[in-house]
Amino acid sequence: PTTNHNNTVTPTETKSTLSNIPGILNSSDQVITKTDADSAIVTNTAGTIIDIPKDPEQGVTFGSTTGSKIEIELPSANEAKTAKTIAPGVVAYDSGNGSSNAVQATEDGSVRMLTIIDNPTAPTQYNYKVTVPNGGRIELTEDGGAIVLDGNNQAISTVGAPWAKDANGTAVETRYTTDGQTLTQHVRHDVVGVVY
């Protein structure tokens, strides 16, 4: 996709980028959503209630209809613009720092959080602070992903291993770290050979 490589990553640029990744956008084609005064998307899909806010500082909330709910703060939320719907079940937030966040409610009831990085001056770390009821925490898993545990050490959510690709589809080095409350994705994109 063609972008202008400045600090603004528009919703159109975000959609264009995600459209070039096979299978991403169409995994929410059938999600039935609504909006309200505070939410860009609210859906109850496959037993999961997902609330994606208009204001990125509010955090994305999701969980089972009968169990605990998790709130996740988006990276650079205090600098990001208001949510714009870019596809069924998908919103984008321009972070104003050479990156944007996209949040997707998928048909299987999961939430996908994606970062579009548009130039080498964009951050290399993306922090997702997780608020879990009753003193829960995040732990990394052997496969490179993470698990969110409640205060009773019961798993309430899993996070797949991170991935990153440049504009040519070449893998970019990435990994997670955590302090138990924030999951940080490190993306080593500011190296020779990465195409934005």
C-alpha atoms as a PDB file:
ATOM      1  CA  PRO A   1       0.000   0.000   0.000  1.00  0.00           C
ATOM      2  CA  THR A   2       1.047   3.568  -0.619  1.00  0.00           C
ATOM      3  CA  THR A   3       1.243   5.964   2.316  1.00  0.00           C
ATOM      4  CA  ASN A   4       2.933   9.333   2.749  1.00  0.00           C
ATOM      5  CA  HIS A   5       5.234   8.179   5.598  1.00  0.00           C
ATOM      6  CA  ASN A   6       4.559  11.087   7.919  1.00  0.00           C
ATOM      7  CA  ASN A   7       3.291  11.045  11.511  1.00  0.00           C
ATOM      8  CA  THR A   8      -0.356  10.865  10.466  1.00  0.00           C
ATOM      9  CA  VAL A   9      -1.669   7.416   9.566  1.00  0.00           C
ATOM     10  CA  THR A  10      -5.181   8.052   8.302  1.00  0.00           C
ATOM     11  CA  PRO A  11      -8.067   5.592   8.568  1.00  0.00           C
ATOM     12  CA  THR A  12      -7.871   5.214   4.761  1.00  0.00           C
ATOM     13  CA  GLU A  13      -4.173   4.275   5.002  1.00  0.00           C
ATOM     14  CA  THR A  14      -4.920   1.853   7.833  1.00  0.00           C
ATOM     15  CA  LYS A  15      -7.683   0.184   5.827  1.00  0.00           C
ATOM     16  CA  SER A  16      -5.471  -0.016   2.741  1.00  0.00           C
ATOM     17  CA  THR A  17      -2.703  -1.687   4.739  1.00  0.00           C
ATOM     18  CA  LEU A  18      -5.032  -4.207   6.407  1.00  0.00           C
ATOM     19  CA  SER A  19      -6.695  -4.976   3.068  1.00  0.00           C
ATOM     20  CA  ASN A  20      -3.352  -6.246   1.816  1.00  0.00           C
ATOM     21  CA  ILE A  21      -3.070  -8.886   4.559  1.00  0.00           C
ATOM     22  CA  PRO A  22      -5.043 -11.961   3.466  1.00  0.00           C
ATOM     23  CA  GLY A  23      -7.881 -12.966   5.784  1.00  0.00           C
ATOM     24  CA  ILE A  24      -7.713 -10.024   8.195  1.00  0.00           C
ATOM     25  CA  LEU A  25     -10.638  -7.746   7.356  1.00  0.00           C
ATOM     26  CA  ASN A  26     -13.013 -10.479   6.206  1.00  0.00           C
ATOM     27  CA  SER A  27     -12.881 -12.216   9.616  1.00  0.00           C
ATOM     28  CA  SER A  28     -15.394  -9.656  10.885  1.00  0.00           C
ATOM     29  CA  ASP A  29     -17.647  -9.398   7.814  1.00  0.00           C
ATOM     30  CA  GLN A  30     -20.557 -11.114   9.580  1.00  0.00           C
ATOM     31  CA  VAL A  31     -20.226  -9.395  12.983  1.00  0.00           C
ATOM     32  CA  ILE A  32     -23.400  -7.523  13.906  1.00  0.00           C
ATOM     33  CA  THR A  33     -22.501  -4.265  15.635  1.00  0.00           C
ATOM     34  CA  LYS A  34     -24.164  -1.200  17.050  1.00  0.00           C
ATOM     35  CA  THR A  35     -22.893   2.125  18.357  1.00  0.00           C
ATOM     36  CA  ASP A  36     -23.855   4.308  21.286  1.00  0.00           C
ATOM     37  CA  ALA A  37     -22.793   7.659  22.741  1.00  0.00           C
ATOM     38  CA  ASP A  38     -19.414   6.303  23.919  1.00  0.00           C
ATOM     39  CA  SER A  39     -18.813   3.271  21.714  1.00  0.00           C
ATOM     40  CA  ALA A  40     -17.696   2.993  18.102  1.00  0.00           C
ATOM     41  CA  ILE A  41     -18.612  -0.715  18.196  1.00  0.00           C
ATOM     42  CA  VAL A  42     -20.594  -2.828  20.625  1.00  0.00           C
ATOM     43  CA  THR A  43     -21.236  -6.458  19.777  1.00  0.00           C
ATOM     44  CA  ASN A  44     -22.239  -9.721  21.420  1.00  0.00           C
ATOM     45  CA  THR A  45     -20.579 -12.357  19.271  1.00  0.00           C
ATOM     46  CA  ALA A  46     -20.036 -16.044  20.112  1.00  0.00           C
ATOM     47  CA  GLY A  47     -20.785 -15.385  23.788  1.00  0.00           C
ATOM     48  CA  THR A  48     -18.377 -12.451  24.095  1.00  0.00           C
ATOM     49  CA  ILE A  49     -19.417  -8.860  24.683  1.00  0.00           C
ATOM     50  CA  ILE A  50     -16.963  -6.482  22.989  1.00  0.00           C
ATOM     51  CA  ASP A  51     -17.047  -2.707  23.483  1.00  0.00           C
ATOM     52  CA  ILE A  52     -14.639  -0.653  21.351  1.00  0.00           C
ATOM     53  CA  PRO A  53     -14.746   3.011  22.413  1.00  0.00           C
ATOM     54  CA  LYS A  54     -14.869   6.129  20.285  1.00  0.00           C
ATOM     55  CA  ASP A  55     -12.358   7.753  22.650  1.00  0.00           C
ATOM     56  CA  PRO A  56      -9.144   5.664  22.618  1.00  0.00           C
ATOM     57  CA  GLU A  57      -8.367   6.676  26.218  1.00  0.00           C
ATOM     58  CA  GLN A  58     -11.425   4.721  27.404  1.00  0.00           C
ATOM     59  CA  GLY A  59      -9.924   1.293  26.630  1.00  0.00           C
ATOM     60  CA  VAL A  60     -11.381  -1.727  24.853  1.00  0.00           C
ATOM     61  CA  THR A  61     -13.559  -3.924  27.080  1.00  0.00           C
ATOM     62  CA  PHE A  62     -14.435  -7.547  26.432  1.00  0.00           C
ATOM     63  CA  GLY A  63     -15.380 -10.765  28.181  1.00  0.00           C
ATOM     64  CA  SER A  64     -17.926 -13.538  28.318  1.00  0.00           C
ATOM     65  CA  THR A  65     -21.536 -12.672  28.892  1.00  0.00           C
ATOM     66  CA  THR A  66     -21.399 -14.537  32.217  1.00  0.00           C
ATOM     67  CA  GLY A  67     -17.805 -14.028  33.403  1.00  0.00           C
ATOM     68  CA  SER A  68     -15.069 -11.500  34.054  1.00  0.00           C
ATOM     69  CA  LYS A  69     -14.453  -8.559  31.775  1.00  0.00           C
ATOM     70  CA  ILE A  70     -11.028  -7.267  30.749  1.00  0.00           C
ATOM     71  CA  GLU A  71     -10.172  -3.700  29.800  1.00  0.00           C
ATOM     72  CA  ILE A  72      -7.172  -2.989  27.575  1.00  0.00           C
ATOM     73  CA  GLU A  73      -5.684   0.463  27.106  1.00  0.00           C
ATOM     74  CA  LEU A  74      -4.392   1.073  23.581  1.00  0.00           C
ATOM     75  CA  PRO A  75      -0.842   2.255  22.851  1.00  0.00           C
ATOM     76  CA  SER A  76      -0.453   6.052  22.639  1.00  0.00           C
ATOM     77  CA  ALA A  77      -4.140   6.460  23.503  1.00  0.00           C
ATOM     78  CA  ASN A  78      -3.608   9.902  25.036  1.00  0.00           C
ATOM     79  CA  GLU A  79      -2.373  11.197  21.649  1.00  0.00           C
ATOM     80  CA  ALA A  80      -4.700   9.221  19.373  1.00  0.00           C
ATOM     81  CA  LYS A  81      -7.627  10.561  17.406  1.00  0.00           C
ATOM     82  CA  THR A  82     -11.253   9.437  17.772  1.00  0.00           C
ATOM     83  CA  ALA A  83     -12.191   6.040  16.323  1.00  0.00           C
ATOM     84  CA  LYS A  84     -13.229   5.765  12.692  1.00  0.00           C
ATOM     85  CA  THR A  85     -14.955   2.667  11.368  1.00  0.00           C
ATOM     86  CA  ILE A  86     -12.935   1.320   8.419  1.00  0.00           C
ATOM     87  CA  ALA A  87     -14.677  -2.030   7.779  1.00  0.00           C
ATOM     88  CA  PRO A  88     -17.430  -4.133   9.384  1.00  0.00           C
ATOM     89  CA  GLY A  89     -16.363  -4.714  12.995  1.00  0.00           C
ATOM     90  CA  VAL A  90     -13.108  -2.729  12.612  1.00  0.00           C
ATOM     91  CA  VAL A  91     -12.142   0.749  13.837  1.00  0.00           C
ATOM     92  CA  ALA A  92      -8.899   2.712  13.490  1.00  0.00           C
ATOM     93  CA  TYR A  93      -7.246   5.354  15.669  1.00  0.00           C
ATOM     94  CA  ASP A  94      -4.472   7.553  14.254  1.00  0.00           C
ATOM     95  CA  SER A  95      -1.835   7.785  17.003  1.00  0.00           C
ATOM     96  CA  GLY A  96      -0.123  10.867  15.537  1.00  0.00           C
ATOM     97  CA  ASN A  97       3.345   9.311  15.918  1.00  0.00           C
ATOM     98  CA  GLY A  98       3.817   7.440  12.646  1.00  0.00           C
ATOM     99  CA  SER A  99       1.552   4.589  13.722  1.00  0.00           C
ATOM    100  CA  SER A 100      -2.119   3.775  14.119  1.00  0.00           C
ATOM    101  CA  ASN A 101      -4.126   1.242  16.091  1.00  0.00           C
ATOM    102  CA  ALA A 102      -6.880  -0.880  14.615  1.00  0.00           C
ATOM    103  CA  VAL A 103      -9.256  -2.918  16.776  1.00  0.00           C
ATOM    104  CA  GLN A 104     -11.388  -5.681  15.307  1.00  0.00           C
ATOM    105  CA  ALA A 105     -14.275  -7.689  16.739  1.00  0.00           C
ATOM    106  CA  THR A 106     -13.986 -11.036  14.943  1.00  0.00           C
ATOM    107  CA  GLU A 107     -16.675 -13.576  14.115  1.00  0.00           C
ATOM    108  CA  ASP A 108     -15.319 -16.112  16.645  1.00  0.00           C
ATOM    109  CA  GLY A 109     -15.815 -13.669  19.549  1.00  0.00           C
ATOM    110  CA  SER A 110     -12.180 -12.662  19.880  1.00  0.00           C
ATOM    111  CA  VAL A 111     -10.654  -9.203  19.680  1.00  0.00           C
ATOM    112  CA  ARG A 112      -7.765  -8.473  17.346  1.00  0.00           C
ATOM    113  CA  MET A 113      -5.535  -5.456  18.010  1.00  0.00           C
ATOM    114  CA  LEU A 114      -3.260  -4.366  15.185  1.00  0.00           C
ATOM    115  CA  THR A 115      -0.661  -1.627  14.841  1.00  0.00           C
ATOM    116  CA  ILE A 116       0.199  -0.071  11.503  1.00  0.00           C
ATOM    117  CA  ILE A 117       3.719   1.414  11.491  1.00  0.00           C
ATOM    118  CA  ASP A 118       4.321   3.921   8.718  1.00  0.00           C
ATOM    119  CA  ASN A 119       7.894   5.173   9.113  1.00  0.00           C
ATOM    120  CA  PRO A 120      11.179   4.527  10.936  1.00  0.00           C
ATOM    121  CA  THR A 121      10.561   7.249  13.525  1.00  0.00           C
ATOM    122  CA  ALA A 122       7.423   5.484  14.831  1.00  0.00           C
ATOM    123  CA  PRO A 123       7.753   3.817  18.254  1.00  0.00           C
ATOM    124  CA  THR A 124       9.322   0.370  18.533  1.00  0.00           C
ATOM    125  CA  GLN A 125       7.321  -0.484  21.683  1.00  0.00           C
ATOM    126  CA  TYR A 126       3.530  -0.671  21.979  1.00  0.00           C
ATOM    127  CA  ASN A 127       2.079  -0.941  25.500  1.00  0.00           C
ATOM    128  CA  TYR A 128      -1.276  -2.582  26.203  1.00  0.00           C
ATOM    129  CA  LYS A 129      -2.182  -2.042  29.859  1.00  0.00           C
ATOM    130  CA  VAL A 130      -4.621  -4.723  30.976  1.00  0.00           C
ATOM    131  CA  THR A 131      -7.070  -4.204  33.821  1.00  0.00           C
ATOM    132  CA  VAL A 132      -8.197  -7.545  35.232  1.00  0.00           C
ATOM    133  CA  PRO A 133     -10.717  -7.817  38.085  1.00  0.00           C
ATOM    134  CA  ASN A 134      -9.631  -9.174  41.467  1.00  0.00           C
ATOM    135  CA  GLY A 135      -5.882  -8.787  41.147  1.00  0.00           C
ATOM    136  CA  GLY A 136      -5.250 -10.711  37.958  1.00  0.00           C
ATOM    137  CA  ARG A 137      -2.052 -10.644  35.960  1.00  0.00           C
ATOM    138  CA  ILE A 138      -0.431 -11.369  32.586  1.00  0.00           C
ATOM    139  CA  GLU A 139       2.118 -14.136  32.039  1.00  0.00           C
ATOM    140  CA  LEU A 140       4.074 -14.958  28.901  1.00  0.00           C
ATOM    141  CA  THR A 141       3.683 -18.426  27.389  1.00  0.00           C
ATOM    142  CA  GLU A 142       6.295 -20.730  25.873  1.00  0.00           C
ATOM    143  CA  ASP A 143       4.950 -20.162  22.342  1.00  0.00           C
ATOM    144  CA  GLY A 144       5.631 -16.410  22.592  1.00  0.00           C
ATOM    145  CA  GLY A 145       2.060 -15.427  23.390  1.00  0.00           C
ATOM    146  CA  ALA A 146       0.532 -14.516  26.733  1.00  0.00           C
ATOM    147  CA  ILE A 147      -2.200 -15.561  29.112  1.00  0.00           C
ATOM    148  CA  VAL A 148      -4.344 -13.369  31.342  1.00  0.00           C
ATOM    149  CA  LEU A 149      -5.113 -14.863  34.742  1.00  0.00           C
ATOM    150  CA  ASP A 150      -7.681 -13.693  37.270  1.00  0.00           C
ATOM    151  CA  GLY A 151      -6.972 -13.324  40.996  1.00  0.00           C
ATOM    152  CA  ASN A 152      -7.604 -17.074  41.464  1.00  0.00           C
ATOM    153  CA  ASN A 153      -4.992 -18.030  38.827  1.00  0.00           C
ATOM    154  CA  GLN A 154      -7.721 -19.024  36.390  1.00  0.00           C
ATOM    155  CA  ALA A 155      -7.122 -18.255  32.704  1.00  0.00           C
ATOM    156  CA  ILE A 156      -9.640 -15.749  31.409  1.00  0.00           C
ATOM    157  CA  SER A 157      -7.988 -14.785  28.117  1.00  0.00           C
ATOM    158  CA  THR A 158      -5.146 -15.825  25.845  1.00  0.00           C
ATOM    159  CA  VAL A 159      -3.054 -13.758  23.458  1.00  0.00           C
ATOM    160  CA  GLY A 160      -1.539 -15.317  20.354  1.00  0.00           C
ATOM    161  CA  ALA A 161       2.162 -14.943  19.607  1.00  0.00           C
ATOM    162  CA  PRO A 162       2.962 -11.549  18.071  1.00  0.00           C
ATOM    163  CA  TRP A 163       3.755 -11.132  14.399  1.00  0.00           C
ATOM    164  CA  ALA A 164       4.935  -8.261  12.236  1.00  0.00           C
ATOM    165  CA  LYS A 165       5.501  -7.904   8.500  1.00  0.00           C
ATOM    166  CA  ASP A 166       6.777  -5.051   6.401  1.00  0.00           C
ATOM    167  CA  ALA A 167       5.056  -3.674   3.285  1.00  0.00           C
ATOM    168  CA  ASN A 168       6.599  -6.460   1.186  1.00  0.00           C
ATOM    169  CA  GLY A 169       5.287  -9.169   3.526  1.00  0.00           C
ATOM    170  CA  THR A 170       8.740  -9.891   4.985  1.00  0.00           C
ATOM    171  CA  ALA A 171       8.743 -10.898   8.660  1.00  0.00           C
ATOM    172  CA  VAL A 172       9.967  -8.227  11.082  1.00  0.00           C
ATOM    173  CA  GLU A 173      11.436  -9.208  14.463  1.00  0.00           C
ATOM    174  CA  THR A 174       8.868  -8.850  17.250  1.00  0.00           C
ATOM    175  CA  ARG A 175       8.240 -10.163  20.768  1.00  0.00           C
ATOM    176  CA  TYR A 176       6.245  -9.517  23.945  1.00  0.00           C
ATOM    177  CA  THR A 177       7.401  -8.571  27.411  1.00  0.00           C
ATOM    178  CA  THR A 178       5.246  -7.958  30.483  1.00  0.00           C
ATOM    179  CA  ASP A 179       5.463  -6.572  33.993  1.00  0.00           C
ATOM    180  CA  GLY A 180       2.327  -8.515  34.913  1.00  0.00           C
ATOM    181  CA  GLN A 181      -0.074  -5.640  34.178  1.00  0.00           C
ATOM    182  CA  THR A 182       1.050  -4.313  30.794  1.00  0.00           C
ATOM    183  CA  LEU A 183       1.748  -6.406  27.716  1.00  0.00           C
ATOM    184  CA  THR A 184       4.340  -4.687  25.529  1.00  0.00           C
ATOM    185  CA  GLN A 185       4.930  -5.600  21.905  1.00  0.00           C
ATOM    186  CA  HIS A 186       8.433  -4.781  20.720  1.00  0.00           C
ATOM    187  CA  VAL A 187       8.775  -4.373  16.949  1.00  0.00           C
ATOM    188  CA  ARG A 188      12.308  -4.020  15.572  1.00  0.00           C
ATOM    189  CA  HIS A 189      11.257  -2.125  12.472  1.00  0.00           C
ATOM    190  CA  ASP A 190      13.883   0.632  12.504  1.00  0.00           C
ATOM    191  CA  VAL A 191      16.571  -1.441  10.771  1.00  0.00           C
ATOM    192  CA  VAL A 192      17.992  -1.519   7.265  1.00  0.00           C
ATOM    193  CA  GLY A 193      15.813  -3.383   4.775  1.00  0.00           C
ATOM    194  CA  VAL A 194      12.390  -2.798   6.343  1.00  0.00           C
ATOM    195  CA  VAL A 195       9.924  -1.419   3.795  1.00  0.00           C
ATOM    196  CA  TYR A 196       7.161   0.836   5.157  1.00  0.00           C
END
